[in-house]
Amino acid sequence: MVRTRIKFCGLTHSDDVSAAIGLGADAIGFNCYKGSRRFVSIETLSGLSAVVPAFVVRVGVFVNPDRNDVRSALPYLDLLQFHGDETAEFCGSFECPYMKAVRVSSTLEVPSLASDYPDARAVLIDKHTTKRTGEVVFGGSGETVTWHHVSSEVPLVLAGGLDPDNVASAICSVRPFAVDVASGIESANETSGRKSRQSMSAFVAAVRQADTEN
């Protein structure tokens, strides 16, 4: 049985981090992008990362960051996630493993985009979403991509609108290495990144059930 890895993203409070780890999350994502409602400062990141034990990956999410902002966060992270328009040269310049998000409408678009980042440890698939103003939404929109199975030389991390009700179908369709969820494990109308224990538990259960069926 192949085990799909789980990343809970956008955590902002230590008790949510502890709960996520207790439920079996493989990776915890911290949003270092100031434009996000789930943004955490370096001081907060330092405290949250200390809650994460060995063998659980601490991921820092960045969107078109300044190099110094990335460097200041490095002591508290194991993996960098670039979610903007960063080049492969930029992503690989920090002597830290990274994964690159690609914003698509369908997973069929992924292979051609992934080839631009040959050194990435993984490619994260997220929905290409814009506001009414035309401004790009960099993740956390809650919108799904169109799911198709695609072959890739690097591990694929599926994100974009996943929740406890649809993640099993997504896994069956795409068969990703990992799934990534933020808004799908939050309570309705949540604005500060707090996570729902019930939703986190249901998400993990749905992933594990999907694994047994594939």
N, C-alpha and C. Protein backbone atom coordinates (compact mmCIF):
# COMPACT_ATOMS: atom_id res chain seq x y z
N MET A 1 0.84 -1.19 0.00
CA MET A 1 0.00 0.00 0.00
C MET A 1 0.87 1.25 0.00
N VAL A 2 0.62 2.15 -0.92
CA VAL A 2 1.32 3.43 -0.97
C VAL A 2 0.68 4.38 0.03
N ARG A 3 1.51 5.03 0.83
CA ARG A 3 0.99 5.97 1.82
C ARG A 3 1.11 7.40 1.31
N THR A 4 -0.01 8.06 1.14
CA THR A 4 -0.01 9.45 0.71
C THR A 4 0.38 10.34 1.88
N ARG A 5 1.39 11.16 1.68
CA ARG A 5 1.82 12.07 2.74
C ARG A 5 0.83 13.22 2.88
N ILE A 6 0.78 13.79 4.08
CA ILE A 6 -0.17 14.86 4.39
C ILE A 6 0.56 16.08 4.91
N LYS A 7 0.29 17.22 4.28
CA LYS A 7 0.80 18.50 4.78
C LYS A 7 -0.38 19.37 5.19
N PHE A 8 -0.39 19.78 6.45
CA PHE A 8 -1.35 20.78 6.93
C PHE A 8 -0.66 22.13 6.84
N CYS A 9 -1.29 23.09 6.18
CA CYS A 9 -0.63 24.35 5.90
C CYS A 9 -1.35 25.54 6.52
N GLY A 10 -0.57 26.60 6.74
CA GLY A 10 -1.14 27.83 7.26
C GLY A 10 -1.47 27.79 8.73
N LEU A 11 -0.70 27.02 9.50
CA LEU A 11 -0.96 26.95 10.94
C LEU A 11 -0.36 28.17 11.63
N THR A 12 -1.10 28.69 12.60
CA THR A 12 -0.71 29.94 13.25
C THR A 12 -0.65 29.85 14.77
N HIS A 13 -1.07 28.71 15.33
CA HIS A 13 -1.12 28.56 16.79
C HIS A 13 -0.50 27.23 17.19
N SER A 14 0.21 27.23 18.31
CA SER A 14 0.95 26.05 18.73
C SER A 14 0.04 24.87 19.05
N ASP A 15 -1.15 25.12 19.58
CA ASP A 15 -2.03 24.00 19.89
C ASP A 15 -2.54 23.33 18.62
N ASP A 16 -2.71 24.09 17.54
CA ASP A 16 -3.08 23.50 16.26
C ASP A 16 -1.94 22.66 15.71
N VAL A 17 -0.72 23.15 15.87
CA VAL A 17 0.45 22.39 15.42
C VAL A 17 0.53 21.06 16.17
N SER A 18 0.37 21.10 17.47
CA SER A 18 0.43 19.87 18.27
C SER A 18 -0.67 18.90 17.87
N ALA A 19 -1.87 19.43 17.63
CA ALA A 19 -2.99 18.57 17.23
C ALA A 19 -2.72 17.93 15.88
N ALA A 20 -2.18 18.71 14.95
CA ALA A 20 -1.88 18.18 13.61
C ALA A 20 -0.87 17.05 13.68
N ILE A 21 0.16 17.25 14.49
CA ILE A 21 1.19 16.22 14.64
C ILE A 21 0.60 14.97 15.29
N GLY A 22 -0.23 15.16 16.29
CA GLY A 22 -0.86 14.03 16.95
C GLY A 22 -1.75 13.22 16.04
N LEU A 23 -2.32 13.87 15.03
CA LEU A 23 -3.18 13.18 14.07
C LEU A 23 -2.40 12.51 12.95
N GLY A 24 -1.10 12.78 12.88
CA GLY A 24 -0.27 12.08 11.91
C GLY A 24 0.17 12.89 10.71
N ALA A 25 0.10 14.22 10.78
CA ALA A 25 0.58 15.04 9.67
C ALA A 25 2.07 14.81 9.45
N ASP A 26 2.46 14.71 8.19
CA ASP A 26 3.87 14.50 7.85
C ASP A 26 4.64 15.81 7.73
N ALA A 27 3.92 16.88 7.45
CA ALA A 27 4.56 18.19 7.28
C ALA A 27 3.62 19.28 7.77
N ILE A 28 4.22 20.33 8.30
CA ILE A 28 3.47 21.48 8.80
C ILE A 28 3.94 22.71 8.03
N GLY A 29 2.98 23.43 7.41
CA GLY A 29 3.33 24.60 6.63
C GLY A 29 3.08 25.89 7.38
N PHE A 30 4.08 26.77 7.35
CA PHE A 30 3.98 28.09 7.99
C PHE A 30 4.05 29.16 6.90
N ASN A 31 3.09 30.05 6.88
CA ASN A 31 3.00 31.03 5.81
C ASN A 31 3.83 32.26 6.14
N CYS A 32 4.91 32.43 5.39
CA CYS A 32 5.82 33.56 5.59
C CYS A 32 5.55 34.69 4.60
N TYR A 33 4.40 34.64 3.96
CA TYR A 33 3.99 35.65 2.98
C TYR A 33 3.11 36.68 3.67
N LYS A 34 3.57 37.92 3.71
CA LYS A 34 2.87 38.96 4.47
C LYS A 34 1.48 39.28 3.91
N GLY A 35 1.23 38.91 2.67
CA GLY A 35 -0.08 39.16 2.09
C GLY A 35 -1.13 38.15 2.46
N SER A 36 -0.75 37.14 3.23
CA SER A 36 -1.69 36.08 3.62
C SER A 36 -2.31 36.37 4.99
N ARG A 37 -3.57 35.99 5.14
CA ARG A 37 -4.22 36.12 6.45
C ARG A 37 -3.65 35.10 7.44
N ARG A 38 -2.87 34.14 6.94
CA ARG A 38 -2.25 33.14 7.80
C ARG A 38 -0.77 33.46 8.06
N PHE A 39 -0.36 34.66 7.74
CA PHE A 39 1.05 35.05 7.89
C PHE A 39 1.51 34.93 9.34
N VAL A 40 2.74 34.42 9.51
CA VAL A 40 3.37 34.39 10.83
C VAL A 40 4.70 35.13 10.76
N SER A 41 4.98 35.92 11.76
CA SER A 41 6.24 36.65 11.84
C SER A 41 7.38 35.69 12.17
N ILE A 42 8.61 36.17 12.05
CA ILE A 42 9.76 35.34 12.40
C ILE A 42 9.69 34.93 13.86
N GLU A 43 9.28 35.83 14.72
CA GLU A 43 9.17 35.51 16.15
C GLU A 43 8.15 34.39 16.38
N THR A 44 7.01 34.48 15.71
CA THR A 44 5.99 33.44 15.85
C THR A 44 6.47 32.14 15.23
N LEU A 45 7.12 32.24 14.07
CA LEU A 45 7.66 31.05 13.41
C LEU A 45 8.64 30.32 14.31
N SER A 46 9.48 31.06 14.99
CA SER A 46 10.45 30.46 15.90
C SER A 46 9.76 29.62 16.96
N GLY A 47 8.71 30.16 17.55
CA GLY A 47 7.99 29.43 18.59
C GLY A 47 7.24 28.23 18.05
N LEU A 48 6.59 28.39 16.91
CA LEU A 48 5.82 27.29 16.34
C LEU A 48 6.72 26.16 15.88
N SER A 49 7.86 26.49 15.29
CA SER A 49 8.76 25.45 14.79
C SER A 49 9.32 24.61 15.92
N ALA A 50 9.43 25.21 17.11
CA ALA A 50 9.96 24.48 18.25
C ALA A 50 9.01 23.38 18.72
N VAL A 51 7.75 23.47 18.34
CA VAL A 51 6.75 22.47 18.72
C VAL A 51 6.87 21.22 17.84
N VAL A 52 7.48 21.37 16.68
CA VAL A 52 7.52 20.29 15.69
C VAL A 52 8.66 19.33 16.01
N PRO A 53 8.37 18.04 16.19
CA PRO A 53 9.41 17.08 16.54
C PRO A 53 10.19 16.61 15.31
N ALA A 54 11.25 15.86 15.57
CA ALA A 54 12.00 15.24 14.48
C ALA A 54 11.09 14.35 13.65
N PHE A 55 11.40 14.26 12.37
CA PHE A 55 10.68 13.42 11.40
C PHE A 55 9.36 14.02 10.93
N VAL A 56 9.04 15.21 11.39
CA VAL A 56 7.93 15.98 10.81
C VAL A 56 8.56 17.21 10.16
N VAL A 57 8.23 17.45 8.90
CA VAL A 57 8.90 18.48 8.11
C VAL A 57 8.27 19.85 8.35
N ARG A 58 9.12 20.84 8.61
CA ARG A 58 8.68 22.22 8.77
C ARG A 58 8.86 22.95 7.44
N VAL A 59 7.76 23.40 6.88
CA VAL A 59 7.77 24.01 5.55
C VAL A 59 7.45 25.49 5.64
N GLY A 60 8.27 26.32 5.02
CA GLY A 60 8.01 27.75 4.97
C GLY A 60 7.47 28.13 3.60
N VAL A 61 6.33 28.79 3.57
CA VAL A 61 5.68 29.18 2.32
C VAL A 61 6.00 30.64 2.01
N PHE A 62 6.56 30.87 0.82
CA PHE A 62 6.96 32.22 0.41
C PHE A 62 6.35 32.56 -0.95
N VAL A 63 6.07 33.85 -1.15
CA VAL A 63 5.56 34.34 -2.43
C VAL A 63 6.40 35.54 -2.86
N ASN A 64 7.21 35.33 -3.89
CA ASN A 64 8.07 36.40 -4.42
C ASN A 64 8.80 37.14 -3.30
N PRO A 65 9.52 36.41 -2.45
CA PRO A 65 10.10 37.04 -1.26
C PRO A 65 11.41 37.76 -1.54
N ASP A 66 11.80 38.60 -0.61
CA ASP A 66 13.14 39.16 -0.57
C ASP A 66 14.08 38.07 -0.06
N ARG A 67 15.29 38.02 -0.60
CA ARG A 67 16.23 36.98 -0.18
C ARG A 67 16.47 37.02 1.32
N ASN A 68 16.56 38.20 1.88
CA ASN A 68 16.84 38.30 3.32
C ASN A 68 15.70 37.75 4.16
N ASP A 69 14.48 37.87 3.67
CA ASP A 69 13.34 37.31 4.40
C ASP A 69 13.43 35.80 4.46
N VAL A 70 13.86 35.19 3.35
CA VAL A 70 14.02 33.74 3.34
C VAL A 70 15.15 33.33 4.27
N ARG A 71 16.27 34.02 4.17
CA ARG A 71 17.43 33.67 5.00
C ARG A 71 17.11 33.77 6.50
N SER A 72 16.34 34.76 6.88
CA SER A 72 16.03 34.92 8.30
C SER A 72 15.15 33.80 8.83
N ALA A 73 14.40 33.15 7.93
CA ALA A 73 13.51 32.07 8.35
C ALA A 73 14.18 30.70 8.31
N LEU A 74 15.30 30.58 7.62
CA LEU A 74 15.94 29.28 7.41
C LEU A 74 16.21 28.48 8.68
N PRO A 75 16.62 29.10 9.79
CA PRO A 75 16.91 28.29 10.99
C PRO A 75 15.71 27.51 11.51
N TYR A 76 14.52 27.89 11.09
CA TYR A 76 13.30 27.28 11.64
C TYR A 76 12.58 26.38 10.64
N LEU A 77 13.23 26.11 9.51
CA LEU A 77 12.57 25.37 8.43
C LEU A 77 13.43 24.22 7.93
N ASP A 78 12.75 23.20 7.39
CA ASP A 78 13.42 22.07 6.75
C ASP A 78 13.25 22.09 5.24
N LEU A 79 12.22 22.77 4.77
CA LEU A 79 11.88 22.79 3.34
C LEU A 79 11.28 24.14 3.00
N LEU A 80 11.67 24.69 1.85
CA LEU A 80 11.11 25.94 1.37
C LEU A 80 10.05 25.65 0.31
N GLN A 81 8.96 26.38 0.35
CA GLN A 81 7.91 26.26 -0.66
C GLN A 81 7.72 27.63 -1.31
N PHE A 82 8.01 27.71 -2.61
CA PHE A 82 7.88 28.97 -3.32
C PHE A 82 6.60 28.94 -4.14
N HIS A 83 5.76 29.94 -3.89
CA HIS A 83 4.40 29.93 -4.44
C HIS A 83 4.13 31.07 -5.41
N GLY A 84 5.19 31.81 -5.76
CA GLY A 84 5.01 32.95 -6.64
C GLY A 84 5.62 32.72 -8.01
N ASP A 85 6.32 33.74 -8.51
CA ASP A 85 6.92 33.68 -9.84
C ASP A 85 8.44 33.55 -9.76
N GLU A 86 8.92 32.91 -8.72
CA GLU A 86 10.35 32.76 -8.50
C GLU A 86 10.99 31.90 -9.60
N THR A 87 12.22 32.23 -9.96
CA THR A 87 12.96 31.44 -10.93
C THR A 87 13.60 30.23 -10.25
N ALA A 88 14.00 29.26 -11.06
CA ALA A 88 14.68 28.09 -10.52
C ALA A 88 15.99 28.50 -9.84
N GLU A 89 16.67 29.47 -10.42
CA GLU A 89 17.93 29.94 -9.83
C GLU A 89 17.70 30.51 -8.44
N PHE A 90 16.66 31.31 -8.30
CA PHE A 90 16.34 31.90 -7.00
C PHE A 90 15.98 30.82 -6.00
N CYS A 91 15.11 29.92 -6.39
CA CYS A 91 14.64 28.87 -5.47
C CYS A 91 15.78 28.01 -4.95
N GLY A 92 16.77 27.77 -5.81
CA GLY A 92 17.86 26.88 -5.44
C GLY A 92 19.05 27.56 -4.81
N SER A 93 18.93 28.84 -4.48
CA SER A 93 20.09 29.61 -4.03
C SER A 93 20.27 29.65 -2.51
N PHE A 94 19.45 28.90 -1.77
CA PHE A 94 19.48 29.03 -0.30
C PHE A 94 20.08 27.82 0.41
N GLU A 95 20.62 26.87 -0.33
CA GLU A 95 21.20 25.67 0.26
C GLU A 95 20.21 24.97 1.18
N CYS A 96 18.97 24.95 0.76
CA CYS A 96 17.89 24.29 1.50
C CYS A 96 16.97 23.64 0.48
N PRO A 97 16.51 22.43 0.70
CA PRO A 97 15.59 21.80 -0.25
C PRO A 97 14.35 22.67 -0.46
N TYR A 98 13.81 22.63 -1.68
CA TYR A 98 12.61 23.42 -1.95
C TYR A 98 11.63 22.65 -2.81
N MET A 99 10.37 23.05 -2.73
CA MET A 99 9.38 22.62 -3.71
C MET A 99 8.74 23.86 -4.31
N LYS A 100 8.32 23.73 -5.56
CA LYS A 100 7.77 24.87 -6.30
C LYS A 100 6.31 24.64 -6.60
N ALA A 101 5.50 25.63 -6.29
CA ALA A 101 4.08 25.57 -6.63
C ALA A 101 3.88 26.02 -8.07
N VAL A 102 3.02 25.31 -8.78
CA VAL A 102 2.62 25.73 -10.12
C VAL A 102 1.11 25.94 -10.09
N ARG A 103 0.67 27.04 -10.64
CA ARG A 103 -0.75 27.40 -10.62
C ARG A 103 -1.37 27.02 -11.95
N VAL A 104 -2.31 26.09 -11.90
CA VAL A 104 -2.88 25.52 -13.12
C VAL A 104 -4.40 25.41 -12.99
N SER A 105 -5.05 25.15 -14.11
CA SER A 105 -6.48 24.84 -14.11
C SER A 105 -6.71 23.34 -14.12
N SER A 106 -5.76 22.60 -14.70
CA SER A 106 -5.85 21.14 -14.80
C SER A 106 -4.49 20.55 -14.51
N THR A 107 -4.46 19.36 -13.90
CA THR A 107 -3.19 18.70 -13.63
C THR A 107 -2.45 18.33 -14.91
N LEU A 108 -3.14 18.30 -16.04
CA LEU A 108 -2.48 17.98 -17.30
C LEU A 108 -1.45 19.04 -17.69
N GLU A 109 -1.54 20.22 -17.10
CA GLU A 109 -0.60 21.30 -17.40
C GLU A 109 0.71 21.17 -16.62
N VAL A 110 0.76 20.27 -15.67
CA VAL A 110 1.87 20.24 -14.72
C VAL A 110 3.21 19.84 -15.32
N PRO A 111 3.31 18.75 -16.12
CA PRO A 111 4.64 18.31 -16.56
C PRO A 111 5.47 19.38 -17.25
N SER A 112 4.87 20.18 -18.13
CA SER A 112 5.64 21.19 -18.84
C SER A 112 6.14 22.28 -17.89
N LEU A 113 5.35 22.62 -16.89
CA LEU A 113 5.76 23.64 -15.92
C LEU A 113 6.80 23.11 -14.95
N ALA A 114 6.64 21.86 -14.55
CA ALA A 114 7.57 21.26 -13.59
C ALA A 114 8.98 21.17 -14.16
N SER A 115 9.10 21.02 -15.47
CA SER A 115 10.42 20.88 -16.08
C SER A 115 11.27 22.13 -15.94
N ASP A 116 10.66 23.26 -15.61
CA ASP A 116 11.41 24.50 -15.41
C ASP A 116 12.15 24.53 -14.08
N TYR A 117 11.86 23.55 -13.21
CA TYR A 117 12.47 23.53 -11.88
C TYR A 117 13.09 22.15 -11.63
N PRO A 118 14.17 21.83 -12.34
CA PRO A 118 14.74 20.47 -12.26
C PRO A 118 15.30 20.11 -10.90
N ASP A 119 15.62 21.10 -10.08
CA ASP A 119 16.20 20.81 -8.76
C ASP A 119 15.16 20.75 -7.65
N ALA A 120 13.91 20.97 -7.97
CA ALA A 120 12.86 20.95 -6.95
C ALA A 120 12.70 19.54 -6.39
N ARG A 121 12.51 19.43 -5.08
CA ARG A 121 12.28 18.13 -4.46
C ARG A 121 10.85 17.65 -4.70
N ALA A 122 9.96 18.60 -5.00
CA ALA A 122 8.56 18.26 -5.29
C ALA A 122 7.94 19.45 -6.02
N VAL A 123 6.85 19.17 -6.72
CA VAL A 123 6.07 20.22 -7.37
C VAL A 123 4.68 20.20 -6.77
N LEU A 124 4.24 21.37 -6.30
CA LEU A 124 2.92 21.49 -5.69
C LEU A 124 1.93 22.03 -6.72
N ILE A 125 0.81 21.34 -6.86
CA ILE A 125 -0.21 21.71 -7.83
C ILE A 125 -1.30 22.50 -7.13
N ASP A 126 -1.50 23.74 -7.56
CA ASP A 126 -2.54 24.57 -6.97
C ASP A 126 -3.36 25.22 -8.07
N LYS A 127 -4.54 25.67 -7.71
CA LYS A 127 -5.47 26.26 -8.66
C LYS A 127 -5.02 27.66 -9.07
N HIS A 128 -5.04 27.93 -10.38
CA HIS A 128 -4.79 29.29 -10.86
C HIS A 128 -6.05 30.11 -10.64
N THR A 129 -5.97 31.05 -9.73
CA THR A 129 -7.14 31.84 -9.32
C THR A 129 -6.79 33.32 -9.35
N THR A 130 -7.73 34.13 -9.80
CA THR A 130 -7.55 35.58 -9.77
C THR A 130 -8.75 36.25 -9.13
N LYS A 131 -8.50 37.42 -8.55
CA LYS A 131 -9.59 38.23 -8.01
C LYS A 131 -10.28 38.97 -9.16
N ARG A 132 -11.37 39.63 -8.85
CA ARG A 132 -12.09 40.40 -9.87
C ARG A 132 -11.21 41.49 -10.48
N THR A 133 -10.24 41.93 -9.72
CA THR A 133 -9.33 42.97 -10.20
C THR A 133 -8.27 42.42 -11.15
N GLY A 134 -8.21 41.09 -11.27
CA GLY A 134 -7.18 40.45 -12.07
C GLY A 134 -5.95 40.06 -11.28
N GLU A 135 -5.92 40.43 -10.01
CA GLU A 135 -4.78 40.10 -9.15
C GLU A 135 -4.76 38.60 -8.88
N VAL A 136 -3.57 38.00 -8.97
CA VAL A 136 -3.42 36.57 -8.74
C VAL A 136 -3.56 36.25 -7.26
N VAL A 137 -4.28 35.15 -6.97
CA VAL A 137 -4.39 34.65 -5.60
C VAL A 137 -3.35 33.55 -5.42
N PHE A 138 -2.44 33.73 -4.47
CA PHE A 138 -1.35 32.79 -4.28
C PHE A 138 -1.71 31.75 -3.22
N GLY A 139 -2.55 30.79 -3.58
CA GLY A 139 -2.87 29.69 -2.68
C GLY A 139 -3.93 30.04 -1.65
N GLY A 140 -4.50 28.97 -1.06
CA GLY A 140 -5.47 29.15 0.01
C GLY A 140 -6.82 29.66 -0.44
N SER A 141 -7.11 29.55 -1.74
CA SER A 141 -8.38 30.08 -2.25
C SER A 141 -9.55 29.13 -2.01
N GLY A 142 -9.24 27.86 -1.78
CA GLY A 142 -10.31 26.87 -1.60
C GLY A 142 -10.88 26.36 -2.90
N GLU A 143 -10.29 26.73 -4.05
CA GLU A 143 -10.77 26.28 -5.35
C GLU A 143 -9.96 25.08 -5.83
N THR A 144 -10.62 24.15 -6.50
CA THR A 144 -9.97 22.93 -6.95
C THR A 144 -9.51 23.04 -8.39
N VAL A 145 -8.49 22.25 -8.72
CA VAL A 145 -8.08 22.08 -10.11
C VAL A 145 -8.86 20.90 -10.69
N THR A 146 -8.79 20.74 -12.01
CA THR A 146 -9.38 19.56 -12.64
C THR A 146 -8.40 18.41 -12.51
N TRP A 147 -8.85 17.31 -11.93
CA TRP A 147 -7.93 16.22 -11.58
C TRP A 147 -7.80 15.20 -12.70
N HIS A 148 -6.56 14.93 -13.11
CA HIS A 148 -6.21 13.84 -14.01
C HIS A 148 -4.91 13.24 -13.51
N HIS A 149 -4.73 11.95 -13.75
CA HIS A 149 -3.46 11.34 -13.40
C HIS A 149 -2.40 11.79 -14.39
N VAL A 150 -1.25 12.24 -13.88
CA VAL A 150 -0.14 12.64 -14.74
C VAL A 150 1.14 12.01 -14.22
N SER A 151 2.05 11.70 -15.13
CA SER A 151 3.34 11.16 -14.75
C SER A 151 4.32 12.30 -14.53
N SER A 152 5.17 12.13 -13.55
CA SER A 152 6.14 13.18 -13.24
C SER A 152 7.40 12.54 -12.67
N GLU A 153 8.54 13.13 -13.03
CA GLU A 153 9.80 12.63 -12.51
C GLU A 153 10.05 13.11 -11.08
N VAL A 154 9.31 14.11 -10.64
CA VAL A 154 9.45 14.59 -9.26
C VAL A 154 8.13 14.34 -8.53
N PRO A 155 8.17 14.19 -7.22
CA PRO A 155 6.93 13.97 -6.47
C PRO A 155 5.95 15.12 -6.66
N LEU A 156 4.68 14.77 -6.80
CA LEU A 156 3.62 15.77 -6.95
C LEU A 156 2.87 15.92 -5.64
N VAL A 157 2.66 17.16 -5.25
CA VAL A 157 1.89 17.49 -4.05
C VAL A 157 0.62 18.19 -4.52
N LEU A 158 -0.51 17.58 -4.25
CA LEU A 158 -1.78 18.13 -4.73
C LEU A 158 -2.40 19.05 -3.69
N ALA A 159 -2.72 20.27 -4.11
CA ALA A 159 -3.39 21.25 -3.25
C ALA A 159 -4.55 21.83 -4.04
N GLY A 160 -5.17 22.85 -3.47
CA GLY A 160 -6.24 23.54 -4.18
C GLY A 160 -7.62 22.99 -3.86
N GLY A 161 -8.25 23.54 -2.84
CA GLY A 161 -9.64 23.21 -2.55
C GLY A 161 -9.88 21.84 -1.95
N LEU A 162 -8.85 21.18 -1.44
CA LEU A 162 -9.05 19.87 -0.84
C LEU A 162 -9.72 20.00 0.53
N ASP A 163 -10.55 19.01 0.86
CA ASP A 163 -11.21 18.97 2.16
C ASP A 163 -11.53 17.51 2.48
N PRO A 164 -12.06 17.22 3.66
CA PRO A 164 -12.34 15.82 4.01
C PRO A 164 -13.30 15.12 3.06
N ASP A 165 -14.15 15.87 2.38
CA ASP A 165 -15.15 15.26 1.50
C ASP A 165 -14.63 14.92 0.11
N ASN A 166 -13.59 15.61 -0.36
CA ASN A 166 -13.15 15.36 -1.73
C ASN A 166 -11.73 14.82 -1.86
N VAL A 167 -10.98 14.77 -0.76
CA VAL A 167 -9.58 14.39 -0.89
C VAL A 167 -9.40 12.95 -1.35
N ALA A 168 -10.30 12.05 -0.97
CA ALA A 168 -10.18 10.66 -1.41
C ALA A 168 -10.33 10.56 -2.93
N SER A 169 -11.30 11.27 -3.49
CA SER A 169 -11.48 11.27 -4.94
C SER A 169 -10.27 11.86 -5.64
N ALA A 170 -9.72 12.91 -5.06
CA ALA A 170 -8.54 13.54 -5.64
C ALA A 170 -7.36 12.58 -5.68
N ILE A 171 -7.16 11.85 -4.59
CA ILE A 171 -6.07 10.88 -4.54
C ILE A 171 -6.27 9.78 -5.57
N CYS A 172 -7.47 9.29 -5.69
CA CYS A 172 -7.77 8.23 -6.66
C CYS A 172 -7.54 8.71 -8.09
N SER A 173 -7.82 9.97 -8.35
CA SER A 173 -7.69 10.51 -9.71
C SER A 173 -6.25 10.84 -10.07
N VAL A 174 -5.54 11.49 -9.15
CA VAL A 174 -4.21 12.02 -9.45
C VAL A 174 -3.10 11.10 -8.98
N ARG A 175 -3.33 10.40 -7.88
CA ARG A 175 -2.33 9.55 -7.23
C ARG A 175 -1.06 10.35 -6.91
N PRO A 176 -1.20 11.41 -6.14
CA PRO A 176 -0.04 12.25 -5.80
C PRO A 176 0.82 11.62 -4.72
N PHE A 177 2.02 12.15 -4.58
CA PHE A 177 2.90 11.74 -3.49
C PHE A 177 2.36 12.26 -2.16
N ALA A 178 1.78 13.47 -2.20
CA ALA A 178 1.29 14.10 -0.98
C ALA A 178 0.10 15.00 -1.30
N VAL A 179 -0.66 15.32 -0.27
CA VAL A 179 -1.76 16.28 -0.38
C VAL A 179 -1.51 17.41 0.61
N ASP A 180 -1.97 18.59 0.25
CA ASP A 180 -1.71 19.80 1.02
C ASP A 180 -3.03 20.52 1.24
N VAL A 181 -3.33 20.86 2.48
CA VAL A 181 -4.63 21.47 2.79
C VAL A 181 -4.46 22.62 3.77
N ALA A 182 -5.23 23.69 3.56
CA ALA A 182 -5.25 24.83 4.48
C ALA A 182 -6.69 25.17 4.82
N SER A 183 -7.39 25.81 3.89
CA SER A 183 -8.77 26.24 4.17
C SER A 183 -9.70 25.06 4.41
N GLY A 184 -9.39 23.90 3.84
CA GLY A 184 -10.25 22.73 3.96
C GLY A 184 -10.29 22.12 5.34
N ILE A 185 -9.41 22.57 6.24
CA ILE A 185 -9.44 22.07 7.62
C ILE A 185 -9.70 23.22 8.61
N GLU A 186 -10.29 24.29 8.09
CA GLU A 186 -10.66 25.41 8.94
C GLU A 186 -12.17 25.48 9.09
N SER A 187 -12.60 26.03 10.19
CA SER A 187 -14.03 26.22 10.41
C SER A 187 -14.56 27.30 9.46
N ALA A 188 -15.85 27.26 9.20
CA ALA A 188 -16.46 28.25 8.33
C ALA A 188 -16.24 29.65 8.89
N ASN A 189 -15.93 30.58 7.99
CA ASN A 189 -15.72 31.99 8.34
C ASN A 189 -14.47 32.23 9.18
N GLU A 190 -13.58 31.26 9.23
CA GLU A 190 -12.33 31.44 9.96
C GLU A 190 -11.44 32.45 9.22
N THR A 191 -10.84 33.37 9.95
CA THR A 191 -10.03 34.41 9.32
C THR A 191 -8.59 34.47 9.82
N SER A 192 -8.25 33.72 10.86
CA SER A 192 -6.92 33.84 11.45
C SER A 192 -6.07 32.59 11.29
N GLY A 193 -6.56 31.61 10.53
CA GLY A 193 -5.78 30.40 10.32
C GLY A 193 -6.01 29.32 11.35
N ARG A 194 -6.90 29.51 12.31
CA ARG A 194 -7.19 28.46 13.28
C ARG A 194 -7.79 27.25 12.58
N LYS A 195 -7.38 26.07 13.03
CA LYS A 195 -7.83 24.83 12.40
C LYS A 195 -8.89 24.13 13.24
N SER A 196 -9.74 23.38 12.57
CA SER A 196 -10.78 22.59 13.21
C SER A 196 -10.24 21.20 13.49
N ARG A 197 -10.24 20.78 14.75
CA ARG A 197 -9.77 19.44 15.09
C ARG A 197 -10.59 18.38 14.36
N GLN A 198 -11.89 18.57 14.31
CA GLN A 198 -12.76 17.61 13.64
C GLN A 198 -12.41 17.50 12.16
N SER A 199 -12.18 18.62 11.51
CA SER A 199 -11.86 18.59 10.09
C SER A 199 -10.49 17.99 9.84
N MET A 200 -9.52 18.28 10.70
CA MET A 200 -8.20 17.69 10.55
C MET A 200 -8.27 16.18 10.68
N SER A 201 -8.99 15.70 11.68
CA SER A 201 -9.13 14.27 11.90
C SER A 201 -9.83 13.60 10.73
N ALA A 202 -10.90 14.22 10.24
CA ALA A 202 -11.65 13.65 9.12
C ALA A 202 -10.81 13.63 7.85
N PHE A 203 -9.98 14.65 7.66
CA PHE A 203 -9.11 14.70 6.48
C PHE A 203 -8.11 13.55 6.50
N VAL A 204 -7.45 13.36 7.63
CA VAL A 204 -6.49 12.27 7.76
C VAL A 204 -7.17 10.92 7.52
N ALA A 205 -8.33 10.73 8.10
CA ALA A 205 -9.06 9.47 7.93
C ALA A 205 -9.41 9.22 6.47
N ALA A 206 -9.81 10.27 5.76
CA ALA A 206 -10.17 10.13 4.35
C ALA A 206 -8.96 9.76 3.50
N VAL A 207 -7.82 10.36 3.81
CA VAL A 207 -6.59 10.03 3.08
C VAL A 207 -6.21 8.58 3.31
N ARG A 208 -6.25 8.14 4.55
CA ARG A 208 -5.86 6.76 4.86
C ARG A 208 -6.83 5.76 4.22
N GLN A 209 -8.11 6.10 4.19
CA GLN A 209 -9.07 5.22 3.54
C GLN A 209 -8.79 5.12 2.05
N ALA A 210 -8.47 6.24 1.43
CA ALA A 210 -8.14 6.24 0.01
C ALA A 210 -6.91 5.39 -0.26
N ASP A 211 -5.93 5.45 0.64
CA ASP A 211 -4.72 4.65 0.46
C ASP A 211 -5.01 3.16 0.46
N THR A 212 -5.94 2.73 1.29
CA THR A 212 -6.26 1.30 1.35
C THR A 212 -6.99 0.82 0.10
N GLU A 213 -7.58 1.75 -0.63
CA GLU A 213 -8.36 1.39 -1.82
C GLU A 213 -7.59 1.53 -3.11
N ASN A 214 -6.33 1.95 -3.03
CA ASN A 214 -5.53 2.16 -4.24
C ASN A 214 -4.29 1.27 -4.23
